[in-house]
Amino acid sequence: MKYLLHILMILALLLGSCAEKKSPLDAEARDSGMRAAAALVTVDHTDTMSMERAVMDAKAKQSVYALKRDSAAVRAFDEAFRAYLKEKDRPLYQSIFPEDKK
C-alpha cells in the first residue's frame, strides 16, 4: 500500500503541473479519468496488487494524452479522476491526496 500511495502522489504531481488551456480531447480525457477512478473504487482496498494494477491502468490511460503532448487533456483526466474519487470514496481520496484537506 505504501508503494501505491507513492505512485499515486507522483501521478498527481505530474498531472497537476499542466497548463490551463482547452483541448479538443478534453471531453474524452474527462470520461477516461472518471472511468479509471471508477475502476479503482471498485477494487478491494485490502488487495494491494489489484490496487496497484488499477493505478497503473489509470496511468496508462492518462499517458495517452501525455504522449500526444496534450497537457490540457492530461489536466482534464486528472481533474475528473480526482473529482470522481473524492465524491465516491472520500477515505481513499484522502489517503492518496493527503495534501488536499477540502
Protein backbone atom coordinates (compact mmCIF):
# COMPACT_ATOMS: atom_id res chain seq x y z
CA MET A 1 0.00 0.00 0.00
CA LYS A 2 2.94 2.29 0.71
CA TYR A 3 4.18 1.96 -2.88
CA LEU A 4 0.67 2.56 -4.19
CA LEU A 5 0.46 5.87 -2.35
CA HIS A 6 3.87 6.92 -3.67
CA ILE A 7 2.84 6.08 -7.23
CA LEU A 8 -0.41 7.99 -6.88
CA MET A 9 1.28 11.02 -5.35
CA ILE A 10 3.80 11.15 -8.20
CA LEU A 11 0.96 10.79 -10.69
CA ALA A 12 -0.90 13.67 -9.02
CA LEU A 13 2.15 15.93 -9.04
CA LEU A 14 2.85 15.24 -12.69
CA LEU A 15 -0.74 15.76 -13.70
CA GLY A 16 -1.23 18.84 -11.58
CA SER A 17 1.59 20.74 -13.25
CA CYS A 18 -0.17 21.04 -16.61
CA ALA A 19 -1.10 24.32 -18.32
CA GLU A 20 -4.64 25.74 -18.27
CA LYS A 21 -5.83 25.66 -21.86
CA LYS A 22 -8.58 23.77 -23.66
CA SER A 23 -8.08 20.74 -25.82
CA PRO A 24 -10.29 19.02 -28.38
CA LEU A 25 -9.70 15.87 -26.30
CA ASP A 26 -10.99 17.36 -23.01
CA ALA A 27 -14.32 15.52 -23.00
CA GLU A 28 -12.69 12.22 -23.90
CA ALA A 29 -9.99 12.71 -21.24
CA ARG A 30 -12.56 13.58 -18.56
CA ASP A 31 -14.59 10.48 -19.40
CA SER A 32 -11.47 8.34 -19.32
CA GLY A 33 -10.44 9.81 -15.96
CA MET A 34 -13.85 9.11 -14.45
CA ARG A 35 -13.82 5.52 -15.74
CA ALA A 36 -10.30 4.99 -14.38
CA ALA A 37 -11.34 6.29 -10.96
CA ALA A 38 -14.49 4.14 -11.02
CA ALA A 39 -12.34 1.08 -11.69
CA LEU A 40 -10.09 1.99 -8.74
CA VAL A 41 -13.05 2.48 -6.38
CA THR A 42 -14.44 -0.97 -7.14
CA VAL A 43 -11.20 -2.76 -6.22
CA ASP A 44 -10.96 -4.37 -2.78
CA HIS A 45 -8.77 -1.87 -0.92
CA THR A 46 -7.04 -4.62 1.04
CA ASP A 47 -5.83 -6.26 -2.18
CA THR A 48 -2.74 -4.15 -2.82
CA MET A 49 -1.80 -5.95 -6.02
CA SER A 50 -5.20 -5.20 -7.56
CA MET A 51 -5.00 -1.62 -6.32
CA GLU A 52 -1.58 -1.19 -7.92
CA ARG A 53 -2.88 -2.72 -11.15
CA ALA A 54 -5.83 -0.29 -11.21
CA VAL A 55 -3.46 2.65 -10.59
CA MET A 56 -1.13 1.52 -13.36
CA ASP A 57 -4.11 1.12 -15.72
CA ALA A 58 -5.17 4.68 -14.89
CA LYS A 59 -1.64 5.93 -15.51
CA ALA A 60 -1.57 4.12 -18.87
CA LYS A 61 -4.85 5.75 -19.87
CA GLN A 62 -3.56 9.18 -18.82
CA SER A 63 -0.28 8.67 -20.65
CA VAL A 64 -2.11 8.51 -23.98
CA TYR A 65 -2.69 12.25 -23.66
CA ALA A 66 0.81 12.92 -22.37
CA LEU A 67 2.28 11.11 -25.38
CA LYS A 68 0.20 13.37 -27.61
CA ARG A 69 1.74 16.29 -25.69
CA ASP A 70 -1.75 17.49 -24.82
CA SER A 71 -1.26 18.96 -21.35
CA ALA A 72 -4.83 20.26 -21.22
CA ALA A 73 -6.19 16.75 -21.77
CA VAL A 74 -3.79 15.39 -19.13
CA ARG A 75 -5.13 18.00 -16.70
CA ALA A 76 -8.74 17.18 -17.64
CA PHE A 77 -8.07 13.48 -16.95
CA ASP A 78 -6.53 14.32 -13.57
CA GLU A 79 -9.35 16.64 -12.55
CA ALA A 80 -12.01 14.09 -13.46
CA PHE A 81 -10.09 11.30 -11.72
CA ARG A 82 -9.76 13.32 -8.52
CA ALA A 83 -13.35 14.59 -8.57
CA TYR A 84 -14.82 11.12 -9.03
CA LEU A 85 -12.63 9.64 -6.32
CA LYS A 86 -13.42 12.48 -3.92
CA GLU A 87 -17.16 12.03 -4.44
CA LYS A 88 -17.36 8.23 -4.42
CA ASP A 89 -14.66 7.18 -1.92
CA ARG A 90 -13.56 10.04 0.31
CA PRO A 91 -11.25 7.95 2.57
CA LEU A 92 -9.37 6.56 -0.43
CA TYR A 93 -9.15 10.05 -1.93
CA GLN A 94 -7.71 11.44 1.30
CA SER A 95 -5.17 8.63 1.58
CA ILE A 96 -4.00 9.23 -1.99
CA PHE A 97 -4.11 13.04 -1.88
CA PRO A 98 -3.44 13.95 1.78
CA GLU A 99 -2.40 17.49 0.83
CA ASP A 100 -5.97 18.29 -0.23
CA LYS A 101 -7.86 18.90 3.02
CA LYS A 102 -11.08 20.10 1.32
